[in-house]
Amino acid sequence: MAQCHSCSAPLPPNTQYCRYCGVRNDIDIRGKHDFRIVTHQSQRMCPECNVAMQTIGLETQPPMQIERCEKCFGLFFDPGEVETLLENWVSPVFTINREWLGNINQDRYQKDKPVKYLECPVCLNMMNRVAFGHRSGVVVDQCKVHGIWLDGGEITHLLEWKKAGGQILHQQKQAARQQKQRSPAGSSAEIEALMERYSKPDTESDLLQTVASVIFRLFE
C-alpha cells in the first residue's frame, strides 16, 4: 500500500490525499519536472500576465523546448508537444482506473476559476477552449496553428490523468466514435453495390430480400 510522503500513513486506494495530515501526494511519475533555462526572455508573451516568457529545455526524447511564465507558471507547447511530454514522463499504462480518474478531477476542480479567452502567444488571435481528452478535467487554450496553452498545474493534472488510464479511455472513445461514423457510410456503399449486382429484372425478388436483410442489420 502506498504511504504518505509527509507522515508515512497509508494512503486510501484511488486517491492521493492523506486522511491523517491532509497532504496531497504526487503520483509516482517516471520523469522529473526538471528543466534548464535556454532563454530568459523569449519573444512570446504570457497570455495571462502579458510579460515575456522564458524558453526552457526539457529532457525528453526528442529534446523539447517550450515557453514558461515565471509569474503564473503557465506553459505554451507547440503542436504535438504535450503528447510527447506525457509519453516521456509517464510510465506505460495498461489499465483504466475510473475511480481514480474521478477523484483526480474532483480534487483538482476549481469551481471559482473564471472562464476567459486568451490570445495565442504567436499570432495573437484568440485561442479556442478545448477539452484535452475524455474525462481529463482539463480545458486547454488551443491555437490550431501554433499550439496549446496550459495554466499552472494543468500539466501535472494531465500526467495524473494518463497515469490513471485516462489516455487509454480517450483512445477507446475515439475508436468507438470513428467506428460509428464509418458504419452508415459502409452500409450505404454495400446497398449500392447490391443494387448494381441485382439490377436485372429476373433478380428483382432476390434484390428486395438482400437489401431488406442489410437494412435489418443496420438496426441490430
C-alpha atoms as a PDB file:
ATOM      1  CA  MET A   1       0.000   0.000   0.000  1.00  0.00           C
ATOM      2  CA  ALA A   2       1.250   3.490  -0.869  1.00  0.00           C
ATOM      3  CA  GLN A   3       2.290   5.735   2.006  1.00  0.00           C
ATOM      4  CA  CYS A   4       2.065   9.486   2.534  1.00  0.00           C
ATOM      5  CA  HIS A   5       5.434  11.117   1.902  1.00  0.00           C
ATOM      6  CA  SER A   6       4.699  13.607   4.696  1.00  0.00           C
ATOM      7  CA  CYS A   7       3.533  11.481   7.639  1.00  0.00           C
ATOM      8  CA  SER A   8       4.060   7.909   6.290  1.00  0.00           C
ATOM      9  CA  ALA A   9       0.431   6.983   6.954  1.00  0.00           C
ATOM     10  CA  PRO A  10      -1.131   4.521   4.464  1.00  0.00           C
ATOM     11  CA  LEU A  11      -2.991   6.224   1.622  1.00  0.00           C
ATOM     12  CA  PRO A  12      -6.562   5.137   0.853  1.00  0.00           C
ATOM     13  CA  PRO A  13      -6.980   3.441  -2.541  1.00  0.00           C
ATOM     14  CA  ASN A  14      -7.541   5.566  -5.652  1.00  0.00           C
ATOM     15  CA  THR A  15      -6.730   8.920  -4.088  1.00  0.00           C
ATOM     16  CA  GLN A  16      -3.617  10.956  -3.346  1.00  0.00           C
ATOM     17  CA  TYR A  17      -4.975  12.760  -0.268  1.00  0.00           C
ATOM     18  CA  CYS A  18      -3.758  11.650   3.143  1.00  0.00           C
ATOM     19  CA  ARG A  19      -6.691  11.444   5.582  1.00  0.00           C
ATOM     20  CA  TYR A  20      -4.353  11.942   8.549  1.00  0.00           C
ATOM     21  CA  CYS A  21      -2.288  15.020   7.673  1.00  0.00           C
ATOM     22  CA  GLY A  22      -4.261  16.407   4.695  1.00  0.00           C
ATOM     23  CA  VAL A  23      -1.272  16.479   2.315  1.00  0.00           C
ATOM     24  CA  ARG A  24      -1.844  15.709  -1.349  1.00  0.00           C
ATOM     25  CA  ASN A  25       0.886  13.343  -2.537  1.00  0.00           C
ATOM     26  CA  ASP A  26       2.379  13.450  -6.016  1.00  0.00           C
ATOM     27  CA  ILE A  27       1.923  10.280  -8.018  1.00  0.00           C
ATOM     28  CA  ASP A  28       4.856   8.080  -8.955  1.00  0.00           C
ATOM     29  CA  ILE A  29       5.840   9.556 -12.312  1.00  0.00           C
ATOM     30  CA  ARG A  30       8.856   8.260 -14.199  1.00  0.00           C
ATOM     31  CA  GLY A  31      10.227  11.663 -15.179  1.00  0.00           C
ATOM     32  CA  LYS A  32      11.021  14.743 -13.126  1.00  0.00           C
ATOM     33  CA  HIS A  33       9.843  18.280 -13.662  1.00  0.00           C
ATOM     34  CA  ASP A  34      13.439  19.398 -14.128  1.00  0.00           C
ATOM     35  CA  PHE A  35      14.289  21.927 -16.818  1.00  0.00           C
ATOM     36  CA  ARG A  36      17.048  24.259 -17.931  1.00  0.00           C
ATOM     37  CA  ILE A  37      16.605  27.859 -18.995  1.00  0.00           C
ATOM     38  CA  VAL A  38      17.531  28.339 -22.646  1.00  0.00           C
ATOM     39  CA  THR A  39      16.416  31.969 -22.999  1.00  0.00           C
ATOM     40  CA  HIS A  40      15.441  34.189 -20.079  1.00  0.00           C
ATOM     41  CA  GLN A  41      13.127  36.285 -22.245  1.00  0.00           C
ATOM     42  CA  SER A  42      11.558  34.837 -25.369  1.00  0.00           C
ATOM     43  CA  GLN A  43       9.656  36.813 -27.968  1.00  0.00           C
ATOM     44  CA  ARG A  44       6.431  35.171 -26.843  1.00  0.00           C
ATOM     45  CA  MET A  45       4.358  36.917 -24.196  1.00  0.00           C
ATOM     46  CA  CYS A  46       2.364  35.194 -21.484  1.00  0.00           C
ATOM     47  CA  PRO A  47      -1.334  35.423 -22.443  1.00  0.00           C
ATOM     48  CA  GLU A  48      -2.283  35.663 -18.757  1.00  0.00           C
ATOM     49  CA  CYS A  49       0.318  38.095 -17.381  1.00  0.00           C
ATOM     50  CA  ASN A  50       1.429  39.928 -20.539  1.00  0.00           C
ATOM     51  CA  VAL A  51       5.121  39.507 -19.663  1.00  0.00           C
ATOM     52  CA  ALA A  52       7.899  37.887 -21.702  1.00  0.00           C
ATOM     53  CA  MET A  53       8.152  34.161 -21.063  1.00  0.00           C
ATOM     54  CA  GLN A  54      11.242  32.019 -20.603  1.00  0.00           C
ATOM     55  CA  THR A  55      12.265  29.391 -23.122  1.00  0.00           C
ATOM     56  CA  ILE A  56      13.087  26.241 -21.186  1.00  0.00           C
ATOM     57  CA  GLY A  57      14.562  22.914 -22.270  1.00  0.00           C
ATOM     58  CA  LEU A  58      13.118  19.577 -21.169  1.00  0.00           C
ATOM     59  CA  GLU A  59      14.969  16.275 -21.186  1.00  0.00           C
ATOM     60  CA  THR A  60      12.616  14.333 -23.430  1.00  0.00           C
ATOM     61  CA  GLN A  61      13.099  12.128 -26.467  1.00  0.00           C
ATOM     62  CA  PRO A  62      13.434  14.040 -28.696  1.00  0.00           C
ATOM     63  CA  PRO A  63      14.579  17.065 -26.596  1.00  0.00           C
ATOM     64  CA  MET A  64      11.907  19.738 -26.306  1.00  0.00           C
ATOM     65  CA  GLN A  65      11.864  23.483 -25.766  1.00  0.00           C
ATOM     66  CA  ILE A  66       8.713  25.205 -24.504  1.00  0.00           C
ATOM     67  CA  GLU A  67       7.754  28.623 -23.148  1.00  0.00           C
ATOM     68  CA  ARG A  68       7.135  29.118 -19.426  1.00  0.00           C
ATOM     69  CA  CYS A  69       5.844  32.124 -17.497  1.00  0.00           C
ATOM     70  CA  GLU A  70       7.808  32.779 -14.301  1.00  0.00           C
ATOM     71  CA  LYS A  71       4.861  34.616 -12.791  1.00  0.00           C
ATOM     72  CA  CYS A  72       1.878  32.269 -13.270  1.00  0.00           C
ATOM     73  CA  PHE A  73       3.824  29.092 -14.252  1.00  0.00           C
ATOM     74  CA  GLY A  74       1.741  28.659 -17.389  1.00  0.00           C
ATOM     75  CA  LEU A  75       3.278  26.699 -20.274  1.00  0.00           C
ATOM     76  CA  PHE A  76       2.980  27.047 -24.036  1.00  0.00           C
ATOM     77  CA  PHE A  77       3.533  23.933 -26.165  1.00  0.00           C
ATOM     78  CA  ASP A  78       3.917  23.695 -29.923  1.00  0.00           C
ATOM     79  CA  PRO A  79       1.529  21.235 -31.651  1.00  0.00           C
ATOM     80  CA  GLY A  80       2.112  17.648 -30.527  1.00  0.00           C
ATOM     81  CA  GLU A  81       4.479  18.506 -27.694  1.00  0.00           C
ATOM     82  CA  VAL A  82       2.018  17.851 -24.855  1.00  0.00           C
ATOM     83  CA  GLU A  83       1.528  14.297 -26.124  1.00  0.00           C
ATOM     84  CA  THR A  84       5.302  13.836 -26.391  1.00  0.00           C
ATOM     85  CA  LEU A  85       5.805  15.032 -22.826  1.00  0.00           C
ATOM     86  CA  LEU A  86       3.112  12.687 -21.484  1.00  0.00           C
ATOM     87  CA  GLU A  87       4.747   9.805 -23.317  1.00  0.00           C
ATOM     88  CA  ASN A  88       8.156  10.627 -21.827  1.00  0.00           C
ATOM     89  CA  TRP A  89       7.151  11.424 -18.252  1.00  0.00           C
ATOM     90  CA  VAL A  90       4.616   8.691 -17.518  1.00  0.00           C
ATOM     91  CA  SER A  91       5.480   5.004 -17.432  1.00  0.00           C
ATOM     92  CA  PRO A  92       3.431   2.765 -19.756  1.00  0.00           C
ATOM     93  CA  VAL A  93      -0.161   2.309 -18.563  1.00  0.00           C
ATOM     94  CA  PHE A  94      -2.303  -0.694 -19.478  1.00  0.00           C
ATOM     95  CA  THR A  95      -5.422  -0.401 -17.312  1.00  0.00           C
ATOM     96  CA  ILE A  96      -8.133   2.196 -16.628  1.00  0.00           C
ATOM     97  CA  ASN A  97      -8.878   3.145 -13.017  1.00  0.00           C
ATOM     98  CA  ARG A  98     -12.176   5.023 -13.322  1.00  0.00           C
ATOM     99  CA  GLU A  99     -12.499   5.704  -9.599  1.00  0.00           C
ATOM    100  CA  TRP A 100      -9.042   7.269  -9.524  1.00  0.00           C
ATOM    101  CA  LEU A 101      -9.879   9.384 -12.577  1.00  0.00           C
ATOM    102  CA  GLY A 102     -12.958  10.707 -10.803  1.00  0.00           C
ATOM    103  CA  ASN A 103     -11.005  11.509  -7.650  1.00  0.00           C
ATOM    104  CA  ILE A 104      -8.285  13.336  -9.598  1.00  0.00           C
ATOM    105  CA  ASN A 105     -10.832  15.622 -11.247  1.00  0.00           C
ATOM    106  CA  GLN A 106     -12.741  16.155  -8.018  1.00  0.00           C
ATOM    107  CA  ASP A 107      -9.546  17.025  -6.133  1.00  0.00           C
ATOM    108  CA  ARG A 108      -8.363  19.473  -8.782  1.00  0.00           C
ATOM    109  CA  TYR A 109     -11.649  21.038  -9.865  1.00  0.00           C
ATOM    110  CA  GLN A 110     -11.613  24.827  -9.383  1.00  0.00           C
ATOM    111  CA  LYS A 111     -15.255  25.843  -9.316  1.00  0.00           C
ATOM    112  CA  ASP A 112     -14.476  29.547  -8.809  1.00  0.00           C
ATOM    113  CA  LYS A 113     -11.984  29.776 -11.693  1.00  0.00           C
ATOM    114  CA  PRO A 114     -13.270  32.413 -14.160  1.00  0.00           C
ATOM    115  CA  VAL A 115     -13.748  31.464 -17.808  1.00  0.00           C
ATOM    116  CA  LYS A 116     -11.839  33.726 -20.171  1.00  0.00           C
ATOM    117  CA  TYR A 117     -10.394  33.571 -23.659  1.00  0.00           C
ATOM    118  CA  LEU A 118      -6.677  34.132 -24.212  1.00  0.00           C
ATOM    119  CA  GLU A 119      -4.579  35.307 -27.138  1.00  0.00           C
ATOM    120  CA  CYS A 120      -2.144  32.951 -28.830  1.00  0.00           C
ATOM    121  CA  PRO A 121       1.421  33.995 -27.849  1.00  0.00           C
ATOM    122  CA  VAL A 122       2.490  33.635 -31.506  1.00  0.00           C
ATOM    123  CA  CYS A 123      -0.242  35.043 -33.761  1.00  0.00           C
ATOM    124  CA  LEU A 124      -2.206  36.974 -31.095  1.00  0.00           C
ATOM    125  CA  ASN A 125      -5.508  35.549 -32.320  1.00  0.00           C
ATOM    126  CA  MET A 126      -7.994  34.338 -29.717  1.00  0.00           C
ATOM    127  CA  MET A 127      -7.496  30.687 -28.836  1.00  0.00           C
ATOM    128  CA  ASN A 128     -10.292  28.137 -28.520  1.00  0.00           C
ATOM    129  CA  ARG A 129     -11.121  26.434 -25.229  1.00  0.00           C
ATOM    130  CA  VAL A 130     -10.966  22.680 -25.825  1.00  0.00           C
ATOM    131  CA  ALA A 131     -11.244  19.666 -23.528  1.00  0.00           C
ATOM    132  CA  PHE A 132      -7.871  17.922 -23.818  1.00  0.00           C
ATOM    133  CA  GLY A 133      -9.176  14.347 -23.603  1.00  0.00           C
ATOM    134  CA  HIS A 134     -12.116  12.272 -22.412  1.00  0.00           C
ATOM    135  CA  ARG A 135     -12.541  12.723 -18.634  1.00  0.00           C
ATOM    136  CA  SER A 136      -9.250  14.613 -18.311  1.00  0.00           C
ATOM    137  CA  GLY A 137     -10.942  17.503 -16.494  1.00  0.00           C
ATOM    138  CA  VAL A 138      -8.539  19.893 -18.252  1.00  0.00           C
ATOM    139  CA  VAL A 139      -9.775  22.549 -20.674  1.00  0.00           C
ATOM    140  CA  VAL A 140      -6.812  23.892 -22.645  1.00  0.00           C
ATOM    141  CA  ASP A 141      -6.491  27.057 -24.709  1.00  0.00           C
ATOM    142  CA  GLN A 142      -5.634  25.974 -28.238  1.00  0.00           C
ATOM    143  CA  CYS A 143      -4.439  27.761 -31.355  1.00  0.00           C
ATOM    144  CA  LYS A 144      -4.984  25.296 -34.212  1.00  0.00           C
ATOM    145  CA  VAL A 145      -1.806  26.512 -35.920  1.00  0.00           C
ATOM    146  CA  HIS A 146       0.678  27.297 -33.155  1.00  0.00           C
ATOM    147  CA  GLY A 147      -0.061  25.158 -30.099  1.00  0.00           C
ATOM    148  CA  ILE A 148      -1.589  24.780 -26.650  1.00  0.00           C
ATOM    149  CA  TRP A 149      -1.506  26.902 -23.503  1.00  0.00           C
ATOM    150  CA  LEU A 150      -1.746  25.166 -20.114  1.00  0.00           C
ATOM    151  CA  ASP A 151      -2.345  27.096 -16.907  1.00  0.00           C
ATOM    152  CA  GLY A 152      -0.028  26.469 -13.970  1.00  0.00           C
ATOM    153  CA  GLY A 153      -0.609  22.990 -12.537  1.00  0.00           C
ATOM    154  CA  GLU A 154      -2.555  21.636 -15.518  1.00  0.00           C
ATOM    155  CA  ILE A 155       0.380  19.631 -16.875  1.00  0.00           C
ATOM    156  CA  THR A 156       0.571  17.728 -13.573  1.00  0.00           C
ATOM    157  CA  HIS A 157      -3.188  17.151 -13.800  1.00  0.00           C
ATOM    158  CA  LEU A 158      -2.714  15.598 -17.249  1.00  0.00           C
ATOM    159  CA  LEU A 159       0.177  13.458 -16.024  1.00  0.00           C
ATOM    160  CA  GLU A 160      -2.059  12.058 -13.287  1.00  0.00           C
ATOM    161  CA  TRP A 161      -4.892  11.581 -15.783  1.00  0.00           C
ATOM    162  CA  LYS A 162      -2.672   9.478 -18.017  1.00  0.00           C
ATOM    163  CA  LYS A 163      -1.283   7.535 -15.057  1.00  0.00           C
ATOM    164  CA  ALA A 164      -4.850   6.560 -14.101  1.00  0.00           C
ATOM    165  CA  GLY A 165      -5.541   5.269 -17.617  1.00  0.00           C
ATOM    166  CA  GLY A 166      -7.307   8.368 -18.937  1.00  0.00           C
ATOM    167  CA  GLN A 167      -5.467   8.330 -22.251  1.00  0.00           C
ATOM    168  CA  ILE A 168      -6.470   4.700 -22.856  1.00  0.00           C
ATOM    169  CA  LEU A 169     -10.111   5.601 -22.145  1.00  0.00           C
ATOM    170  CA  HIS A 170      -9.851   8.567 -24.518  1.00  0.00           C
ATOM    171  CA  GLN A 171      -8.447   6.359 -27.289  1.00  0.00           C
ATOM    172  CA  GLN A 172     -11.238   3.824 -26.786  1.00  0.00           C
ATOM    173  CA  LYS A 173     -13.878   6.556 -27.038  1.00  0.00           C
ATOM    174  CA  GLN A 174     -12.273   7.916 -30.202  1.00  0.00           C
ATOM    175  CA  ALA A 175     -12.159   4.464 -31.801  1.00  0.00           C
ATOM    176  CA  ALA A 176     -15.824   3.832 -30.952  1.00  0.00           C
ATOM    177  CA  ARG A 177     -16.840   7.214 -32.386  1.00  0.00           C
ATOM    178  CA  GLN A 178     -14.912   6.603 -35.606  1.00  0.00           C
ATOM    179  CA  GLN A 179     -16.453   3.148 -35.971  1.00  0.00           C
ATOM    180  CA  LYS A 180     -19.922   4.612 -35.507  1.00  0.00           C
ATOM    181  CA  GLN A 181     -19.226   7.247 -38.157  1.00  0.00           C
ATOM    182  CA  ARG A 182     -17.928   4.674 -40.614  1.00  0.00           C
ATOM    183  CA  SER A 183     -20.823   2.230 -40.251  1.00  0.00           C
ATOM    184  CA  PRO A 184     -23.560   4.230 -42.081  1.00  0.00           C
ATOM    185  CA  ALA A 185     -21.229   5.044 -44.999  1.00  0.00           C
ATOM    186  CA  GLY A 186     -20.145   1.421 -45.303  1.00  0.00           C
ATOM    187  CA  SER A 187     -23.736   0.223 -45.194  1.00  0.00           C
ATOM    188  CA  SER A 188     -24.779   2.678 -47.908  1.00  0.00           C
ATOM    189  CA  ALA A 189     -21.941   1.508 -50.109  1.00  0.00           C
ATOM    190  CA  GLU A 190     -22.998  -2.091 -49.523  1.00  0.00           C
ATOM    191  CA  ILE A 191     -26.563  -1.324 -50.581  1.00  0.00           C
ATOM    192  CA  GLU A 192     -25.368   0.486 -53.721  1.00  0.00           C
ATOM    193  CA  ALA A 193     -23.188  -2.476 -54.651  1.00  0.00           C
ATOM    194  CA  LEU A 194     -26.119  -4.838 -54.186  1.00  0.00           C
ATOM    195  CA  MET A 195     -28.368  -2.595 -56.297  1.00  0.00           C
ATOM    196  CA  GLU A 196     -25.878  -2.785 -59.155  1.00  0.00           C
ATOM    197  CA  ARG A 197     -25.426  -6.536 -58.746  1.00  0.00           C
ATOM    198  CA  TYR A 198     -29.159  -7.291 -58.747  1.00  0.00           C
ATOM    199  CA  SER A 199     -30.245  -4.758 -61.366  1.00  0.00           C
ATOM    200  CA  LYS A 200     -31.554  -7.402 -63.797  1.00  0.00           C
ATOM    201  CA  PRO A 201     -35.354  -7.918 -63.868  1.00  0.00           C
ATOM    202  CA  ASP A 202     -35.179 -11.623 -63.106  1.00  0.00           C
ATOM    203  CA  THR A 203     -33.398 -10.996 -59.856  1.00  0.00           C
ATOM    204  CA  GLU A 204     -35.772  -8.350 -58.520  1.00  0.00           C
ATOM    205  CA  SER A 205     -37.116 -10.555 -55.728  1.00  0.00           C
ATOM    206  CA  ASP A 206     -33.574 -11.509 -54.689  1.00  0.00           C
ATOM    207  CA  LEU A 207     -32.659  -7.819 -54.641  1.00  0.00           C
ATOM    208  CA  LEU A 208     -35.514  -6.905 -52.306  1.00  0.00           C
ATOM    209  CA  GLN A 209     -34.724  -9.758 -49.963  1.00  0.00           C
ATOM    210  CA  THR A 210     -30.996  -8.942 -49.815  1.00  0.00           C
ATOM    211  CA  VAL A 211     -31.498  -5.208 -49.312  1.00  0.00           C
ATOM    212  CA  ALA A 212     -34.039  -5.909 -46.590  1.00  0.00           C
ATOM    213  CA  SER A 213     -31.504  -8.065 -44.744  1.00  0.00           C
ATOM    214  CA  VAL A 214     -28.881  -5.307 -44.984  1.00  0.00           C
ATOM    215  CA  ILE A 215     -31.298  -2.687 -43.651  1.00  0.00           C
ATOM    216  CA  PHE A 216     -32.277  -5.051 -40.831  1.00  0.00           C
ATOM    217  CA  ARG A 217     -28.623  -5.351 -39.798  1.00  0.00           C
ATOM    218  CA  LEU A 218     -28.353  -1.552 -39.582  1.00  0.00           C
ATOM    219  CA  PHE A 219     -30.825  -1.543 -36.688  1.00  0.00           C
ATOM    220  CA  GLU A 220     -29.462  -4.548 -34.775  1.00  0.00           C
END
